[in-house]
């Protein structure tokens, strides 16, 4: 089961309502933002597929820590150390995944969903541990070694590249490009995320 499949199964109406209350948004706005944020964060994670050191750190973390149920990870900072190891700056939970693109991501998702950048930042902070939790669950359930983890991320990246016709996701998946941060191009991918259920 792909990471997006695992994640779509863990986010239902109850989780959306809880998140919307925490960030001060309507459930509709929150669902739209999640539909954009999840593929963005998964795309950023798959960008680590060719970074053997980052993948080794992930694999060690996954092997040493029993994954928690995904629905218990919403709003949890348990993945903070791993995100730091992936390249985040001190005190920046999302830096490990998004790096210098975090502000553009927050602004882009905000414009497309009607949320403020601050609300989007809170949403991403809740979703980031969920992304890593899904990767951990998949790695352990399949018994993947380091090579298997790297292969899984590359496969996920390839599938997302096929689905993304352009926009932010294509930019995030292109490590050498600066990305075209147009979230309108990602709306169809976000809708497909929720249609997986």
C-alpha atoms as a PDB file:
ATOM      1  CA  UNK A   1       0.000   0.000   0.000  1.00  0.00           C
ATOM      2  CA  UNK A   2       1.372   3.401  -1.022  1.00  0.00           C
ATOM      3  CA  UNK A   3       2.003   6.167   1.489  1.00  0.00           C
ATOM      4  CA  UNK A   4      -0.867   8.263   0.144  1.00  0.00           C
ATOM      5  CA  UNK A   5      -3.194   5.290   0.577  1.00  0.00           C
ATOM      6  CA  UNK A   6      -2.143   4.829   4.198  1.00  0.00           C
ATOM      7  CA  UNK A   7      -2.584   8.520   4.876  1.00  0.00           C
ATOM      8  CA  UNK A   8      -5.969   8.800   3.189  1.00  0.00           C
ATOM      9  CA  UNK A   9      -7.269   5.978   5.377  1.00  0.00           C
ATOM     10  CA  UNK A  10      -6.136   7.758   8.541  1.00  0.00           C
ATOM     11  CA  UNK A  11      -7.785  11.116   7.838  1.00  0.00           C
ATOM     12  CA  UNK A  12     -11.561  11.087   7.936  1.00  0.00           C
ATOM     13  CA  UNK A  13     -14.308  13.562   8.880  1.00  0.00           C
ATOM     14  CA  UNK A  14     -13.514  13.322  12.603  1.00  0.00           C
ATOM     15  CA  UNK A  15      -9.824  14.058  12.075  1.00  0.00           C
ATOM     16  CA  UNK A  16     -10.636  16.923   9.710  1.00  0.00           C
ATOM     17  CA  UNK A  17     -13.026  18.421  12.267  1.00  0.00           C
ATOM     18  CA  UNK A  18     -10.401  18.141  15.014  1.00  0.00           C
ATOM     19  CA  UNK A  19      -7.731  19.762  12.867  1.00  0.00           C
ATOM     20  CA  UNK A  20     -10.078  22.542  11.744  1.00  0.00           C
ATOM     21  CA  UNK A  21     -10.847  23.396  15.360  1.00  0.00           C
ATOM     22  CA  UNK A  22      -7.176  23.491  16.273  1.00  0.00           C
ATOM     23  CA  UNK A  23      -6.205  25.822  13.430  1.00  0.00           C
ATOM     24  CA  UNK A  24      -9.382  27.926  13.552  1.00  0.00           C
ATOM     25  CA  UNK A  25     -10.730  27.112  10.095  1.00  0.00           C
ATOM     26  CA  UNK A  26     -13.857  25.578   8.595  1.00  0.00           C
ATOM     27  CA  UNK A  27     -13.843  21.825   7.871  1.00  0.00           C
ATOM     28  CA  UNK A  28     -14.166  22.604   4.149  1.00  0.00           C
ATOM     29  CA  UNK A  29     -11.120  24.884   4.154  1.00  0.00           C
ATOM     30  CA  UNK A  30      -9.208  22.343   6.205  1.00  0.00           C
ATOM     31  CA  UNK A  31     -10.051  19.464   3.870  1.00  0.00           C
ATOM     32  CA  UNK A  32      -8.908  21.489   0.865  1.00  0.00           C
ATOM     33  CA  UNK A  33      -5.670  22.425   2.607  1.00  0.00           C
ATOM     34  CA  UNK A  34      -4.987  18.832   3.683  1.00  0.00           C
ATOM     35  CA  UNK A  35      -5.561  17.679   0.108  1.00  0.00           C
ATOM     36  CA  UNK A  36      -2.754  20.002  -0.948  1.00  0.00           C
ATOM     37  CA  UNK A  37      -0.477  19.560   2.062  1.00  0.00           C
ATOM     38  CA  UNK A  38      -0.324  15.756   2.150  1.00  0.00           C
ATOM     39  CA  UNK A  39       0.931  15.299  -1.431  1.00  0.00           C
ATOM     40  CA  UNK A  40       3.345  18.197  -0.914  1.00  0.00           C
ATOM     41  CA  UNK A  41       4.874  16.692   2.231  1.00  0.00           C
ATOM     42  CA  UNK A  42       4.997  13.176   0.772  1.00  0.00           C
ATOM     43  CA  UNK A  43       6.639  14.634  -2.328  1.00  0.00           C
ATOM     44  CA  UNK A  44       9.223  16.388  -0.160  1.00  0.00           C
ATOM     45  CA  UNK A  45       9.914  13.139   1.710  1.00  0.00           C
ATOM     46  CA  UNK A  46      10.398  11.167  -1.518  1.00  0.00           C
ATOM     47  CA  UNK A  47      12.967  13.772  -2.520  1.00  0.00           C
ATOM     48  CA  UNK A  48      15.217  12.133   0.080  1.00  0.00           C
ATOM     49  CA  UNK A  49      15.216   8.888  -1.940  1.00  0.00           C
ATOM     50  CA  UNK A  50      18.642   9.532  -3.462  1.00  0.00           C
ATOM     51  CA  UNK A  51      20.179  10.820  -0.222  1.00  0.00           C
ATOM     52  CA  UNK A  52      21.638   7.637   1.268  1.00  0.00           C
ATOM     53  CA  UNK A  53      22.658   9.335   4.523  1.00  0.00           C
ATOM     54  CA  UNK A  54      19.163  10.754   5.106  1.00  0.00           C
ATOM     55  CA  UNK A  55      17.571   7.408   4.231  1.00  0.00           C
ATOM     56  CA  UNK A  56      19.947   5.607   6.595  1.00  0.00           C
ATOM     57  CA  UNK A  57      18.934   7.967   9.417  1.00  0.00           C
ATOM     58  CA  UNK A  58      15.272   7.353   8.599  1.00  0.00           C
ATOM     59  CA  UNK A  59      15.732   3.602   8.516  1.00  0.00           C
ATOM     60  CA  UNK A  60      17.558   3.595  11.848  1.00  0.00           C
ATOM     61  CA  UNK A  61      14.785   5.699  13.389  1.00  0.00           C
ATOM     62  CA  UNK A  62      12.068   3.443  11.972  1.00  0.00           C
ATOM     63  CA  UNK A  63      13.857   0.288  13.141  1.00  0.00           C
ATOM     64  CA  UNK A  64      14.424   1.580  16.668  1.00  0.00           C
ATOM     65  CA  UNK A  65      10.951   3.022  17.276  1.00  0.00           C
ATOM     66  CA  UNK A  66       7.703   1.082  17.135  1.00  0.00           C
ATOM     67  CA  UNK A  67       5.364   3.132  14.924  1.00  0.00           C
ATOM     68  CA  UNK A  68       2.343   4.625  16.659  1.00  0.00           C
ATOM     69  CA  UNK A  69      -1.145   4.405  15.152  1.00  0.00           C
ATOM     70  CA  UNK A  70      -1.328   7.120  12.529  1.00  0.00           C
ATOM     71  CA  UNK A  71      -4.380   8.794  14.020  1.00  0.00           C
ATOM     72  CA  UNK A  72      -2.471   9.265  17.293  1.00  0.00           C
ATOM     73  CA  UNK A  73       0.290  11.200  15.547  1.00  0.00           C
ATOM     74  CA  UNK A  74      -1.808  14.230  14.621  1.00  0.00           C
ATOM     75  CA  UNK A  75      -0.310  17.158  16.485  1.00  0.00           C
ATOM     76  CA  UNK A  76       2.494  15.010  17.904  1.00  0.00           C
ATOM     77  CA  UNK A  77       6.118  16.178  17.845  1.00  0.00           C
ATOM     78  CA  UNK A  78       7.532  12.658  18.252  1.00  0.00           C
ATOM     79  CA  UNK A  79       9.248  12.881  14.858  1.00  0.00           C
ATOM     80  CA  UNK A  80      11.069  16.121  15.735  1.00  0.00           C
ATOM     81  CA  UNK A  81      14.488  14.484  16.041  1.00  0.00           C
ATOM     82  CA  UNK A  82      14.170  12.706  12.716  1.00  0.00           C
ATOM     83  CA  UNK A  83      13.054  15.846  10.923  1.00  0.00           C
ATOM     84  CA  UNK A  84      16.113  17.611  12.317  1.00  0.00           C
ATOM     85  CA  UNK A  85      18.313  14.802  11.035  1.00  0.00           C
ATOM     86  CA  UNK A  86      16.777  15.246   7.591  1.00  0.00           C
ATOM     87  CA  UNK A  87      18.183  18.769   7.402  1.00  0.00           C
ATOM     88  CA  UNK A  88      15.954  20.994   9.485  1.00  0.00           C
ATOM     89  CA  UNK A  89      17.214  24.023  11.336  1.00  0.00           C
ATOM     90  CA  UNK A  90      17.117  24.110  15.123  1.00  0.00           C
ATOM     91  CA  UNK A  91      13.614  24.825  16.315  1.00  0.00           C
ATOM     92  CA  UNK A  92      12.109  24.299  12.861  1.00  0.00           C
ATOM     93  CA  UNK A  93       9.997  21.146  12.797  1.00  0.00           C
ATOM     94  CA  UNK A  94       9.250  21.299   9.086  1.00  0.00           C
ATOM     95  CA  UNK A  95      12.668  22.460   7.957  1.00  0.00           C
ATOM     96  CA  UNK A  96      13.839  18.906   7.464  1.00  0.00           C
ATOM     97  CA  UNK A  97      11.203  18.238   4.849  1.00  0.00           C
ATOM     98  CA  UNK A  98      10.639  21.584   3.153  1.00  0.00           C
ATOM     99  CA  UNK A  99      13.860  23.464   3.830  1.00  0.00           C
ATOM    100  CA  UNK A 100      13.880  26.974   2.385  1.00  0.00           C
ATOM    101  CA  UNK A 101      10.583  26.353   0.591  1.00  0.00           C
ATOM    102  CA  UNK A 102       8.472  26.255   3.736  1.00  0.00           C
ATOM    103  CA  UNK A 103       7.237  29.850   3.495  1.00  0.00           C
ATOM    104  CA  UNK A 104       6.326  29.436  -0.179  1.00  0.00           C
ATOM    105  CA  UNK A 105       4.477  26.234   0.649  1.00  0.00           C
ATOM    106  CA  UNK A 106       2.538  27.906   3.459  1.00  0.00           C
ATOM    107  CA  UNK A 107       1.630  30.891   1.299  1.00  0.00           C
ATOM    108  CA  UNK A 108       0.671  28.736  -1.676  1.00  0.00           C
ATOM    109  CA  UNK A 109      -1.571  26.388   0.262  1.00  0.00           C
ATOM    110  CA  UNK A 110      -3.077  29.398   2.042  1.00  0.00           C
ATOM    111  CA  UNK A 111      -3.966  31.129  -1.218  1.00  0.00           C
ATOM    112  CA  UNK A 112      -5.475  27.976  -2.701  1.00  0.00           C
ATOM    113  CA  UNK A 113      -7.478  26.996   0.394  1.00  0.00           C
ATOM    114  CA  UNK A 114      -8.406  30.350   1.919  1.00  0.00           C
ATOM    115  CA  UNK A 115      -6.320  29.821   5.065  1.00  0.00           C
ATOM    116  CA  UNK A 116      -3.725  32.192   6.427  1.00  0.00           C
ATOM    117  CA  UNK A 117      -0.055  31.238   6.270  1.00  0.00           C
ATOM    118  CA  UNK A 118      -0.112  30.889  10.060  1.00  0.00           C
ATOM    119  CA  UNK A 119      -3.024  28.446   9.893  1.00  0.00           C
ATOM    120  CA  UNK A 120      -1.251  26.460   7.190  1.00  0.00           C
ATOM    121  CA  UNK A 121       1.908  26.387   9.302  1.00  0.00           C
ATOM    122  CA  UNK A 122      -0.059  24.864  12.164  1.00  0.00           C
ATOM    123  CA  UNK A 123      -1.606  22.324   9.810  1.00  0.00           C
ATOM    124  CA  UNK A 124       1.765  21.287   8.384  1.00  0.00           C
ATOM    125  CA  UNK A 125       3.182  20.878  11.900  1.00  0.00           C
ATOM    126  CA  UNK A 126       0.396  18.395  12.651  1.00  0.00           C
ATOM    127  CA  UNK A 127       0.742  16.527   9.373  1.00  0.00           C
ATOM    128  CA  UNK A 128       4.539  16.154   9.238  1.00  0.00           C
ATOM    129  CA  UNK A 129       4.730  13.459  11.957  1.00  0.00           C
ATOM    130  CA  UNK A 130       1.848  11.677  10.208  1.00  0.00           C
ATOM    131  CA  UNK A 131       3.878  11.482   6.984  1.00  0.00           C
ATOM    132  CA  UNK A 132       6.869   9.988   8.773  1.00  0.00           C
ATOM    133  CA  UNK A 133       4.590   7.667  10.739  1.00  0.00           C
ATOM    134  CA  UNK A 134       3.161   6.283   7.498  1.00  0.00           C
ATOM    135  CA  UNK A 135       6.673   5.781   6.096  1.00  0.00           C
ATOM    136  CA  UNK A 136       7.693   4.010   9.308  1.00  0.00           C
ATOM    137  CA  UNK A 137       4.614   1.784   9.295  1.00  0.00           C
ATOM    138  CA  UNK A 138       5.182   0.822   5.662  1.00  0.00           C
ATOM    139  CA  UNK A 139       8.902   0.157   6.209  1.00  0.00           C
ATOM    140  CA  UNK A 140       8.340  -2.105   9.220  1.00  0.00           C
ATOM    141  CA  UNK A 141       5.302  -3.946   7.843  1.00  0.00           C
ATOM    142  CA  UNK A 142       7.199  -4.826   4.653  1.00  0.00           C
ATOM    143  CA  UNK A 143      10.467  -5.579   6.472  1.00  0.00           C
ATOM    144  CA  UNK A 144      12.365  -3.164   4.243  1.00  0.00           C
ATOM    145  CA  UNK A 145      16.107  -2.815   4.586  1.00  0.00           C
ATOM    146  CA  UNK A 146      17.891   0.427   3.672  1.00  0.00           C
ATOM    147  CA  UNK A 147      17.833  -0.403  -0.026  1.00  0.00           C
ATOM    148  CA  UNK A 148      14.169  -1.316   0.218  1.00  0.00           C
ATOM    149  CA  UNK A 149      13.330   1.997   1.887  1.00  0.00           C
ATOM    150  CA  UNK A 150      15.168   3.939  -0.800  1.00  0.00           C
ATOM    151  CA  UNK A 151      13.409   1.903  -3.486  1.00  0.00           C
ATOM    152  CA  UNK A 152      10.028   2.497  -1.866  1.00  0.00           C
ATOM    153  CA  UNK A 153      10.601   6.267  -1.798  1.00  0.00           C
ATOM    154  CA  UNK A 154      11.780   6.259  -5.412  1.00  0.00           C
ATOM    155  CA  UNK A 155       8.697   4.303  -6.428  1.00  0.00           C
ATOM    156  CA  UNK A 156       6.411   6.684  -4.572  1.00  0.00           C
ATOM    157  CA  UNK A 157       8.176   9.617  -6.203  1.00  0.00           C
ATOM    158  CA  UNK A 158       7.751   8.093  -9.663  1.00  0.00           C
ATOM    159  CA  UNK A 159       4.013   7.558  -9.147  1.00  0.00           C
ATOM    160  CA  UNK A 160       3.540  11.115  -7.920  1.00  0.00           C
ATOM    161  CA  UNK A 161       5.509  12.510 -10.858  1.00  0.00           C
ATOM    162  CA  UNK A 162       3.134  10.716 -13.199  1.00  0.00           C
ATOM    163  CA  UNK A 163       0.136  12.230 -11.413  1.00  0.00           C
ATOM    164  CA  UNK A 164       1.539  15.768 -11.164  1.00  0.00           C
ATOM    165  CA  UNK A 165       1.345  17.698 -14.388  1.00  0.00           C
ATOM    166  CA  UNK A 166       3.340  20.608 -12.957  1.00  0.00           C
ATOM    167  CA  UNK A 167       3.124  23.147 -10.191  1.00  0.00           C
ATOM    168  CA  UNK A 168       4.593  22.871  -6.722  1.00  0.00           C
ATOM    169  CA  UNK A 169       4.739  19.095  -6.503  1.00  0.00           C
ATOM    170  CA  UNK A 170       6.692  18.805  -9.720  1.00  0.00           C
ATOM    171  CA  UNK A 171       9.048  21.473  -8.375  1.00  0.00           C
ATOM    172  CA  UNK A 172       9.518  19.657  -5.085  1.00  0.00           C
ATOM    173  CA  UNK A 173      10.147  16.384  -6.895  1.00  0.00           C
ATOM    174  CA  UNK A 174      12.750  18.063  -9.101  1.00  0.00           C
ATOM    175  CA  UNK A 175      15.689  18.474  -6.775  1.00  0.00           C
ATOM    176  CA  UNK A 176      17.606  20.626  -9.261  1.00  0.00           C
ATOM    177  CA  UNK A 177      14.744  22.976 -10.092  1.00  0.00           C
ATOM    178  CA  UNK A 178      13.429  25.923  -8.151  1.00  0.00           C
ATOM    179  CA  UNK A 179       9.844  24.811  -8.651  1.00  0.00           C
ATOM    180  CA  UNK A 180       6.770  26.560  -9.969  1.00  0.00           C
ATOM    181  CA  UNK A 181       4.757  27.142  -6.838  1.00  0.00           C
ATOM    182  CA  UNK A 182       1.290  27.283  -8.365  1.00  0.00           C
ATOM    183  CA  UNK A 183      -1.005  25.359  -6.064  1.00  0.00           C
ATOM    184  CA  UNK A 184      -3.896  25.600  -8.481  1.00  0.00           C
ATOM    185  CA  UNK A 185      -2.128  22.904 -10.474  1.00  0.00           C
ATOM    186  CA  UNK A 186      -2.264  20.650  -7.427  1.00  0.00           C
ATOM    187  CA  UNK A 187      -5.989  20.886  -6.734  1.00  0.00           C
ATOM    188  CA  UNK A 188      -6.808  17.825  -8.850  1.00  0.00           C
ATOM    189  CA  UNK A 189      -4.123  15.775  -7.077  1.00  0.00           C
ATOM    190  CA  UNK A 190      -5.484  16.927  -3.730  1.00  0.00           C
ATOM    191  CA  UNK A 191      -8.982  15.846  -4.711  1.00  0.00           C
ATOM    192  CA  UNK A 192      -7.668  12.440  -5.785  1.00  0.00           C
ATOM    193  CA  UNK A 193      -6.089  12.077  -2.346  1.00  0.00           C
ATOM    194  CA  UNK A 194      -9.515  12.175  -0.684  1.00  0.00           C
ATOM    195  CA  UNK A 195     -11.163  10.092  -3.400  1.00  0.00           C
ATOM    196  CA  UNK A 196      -8.879   7.183  -2.489  1.00  0.00           C
ATOM    197  CA  UNK A 197     -11.171   6.339   0.439  1.00  0.00           C
END
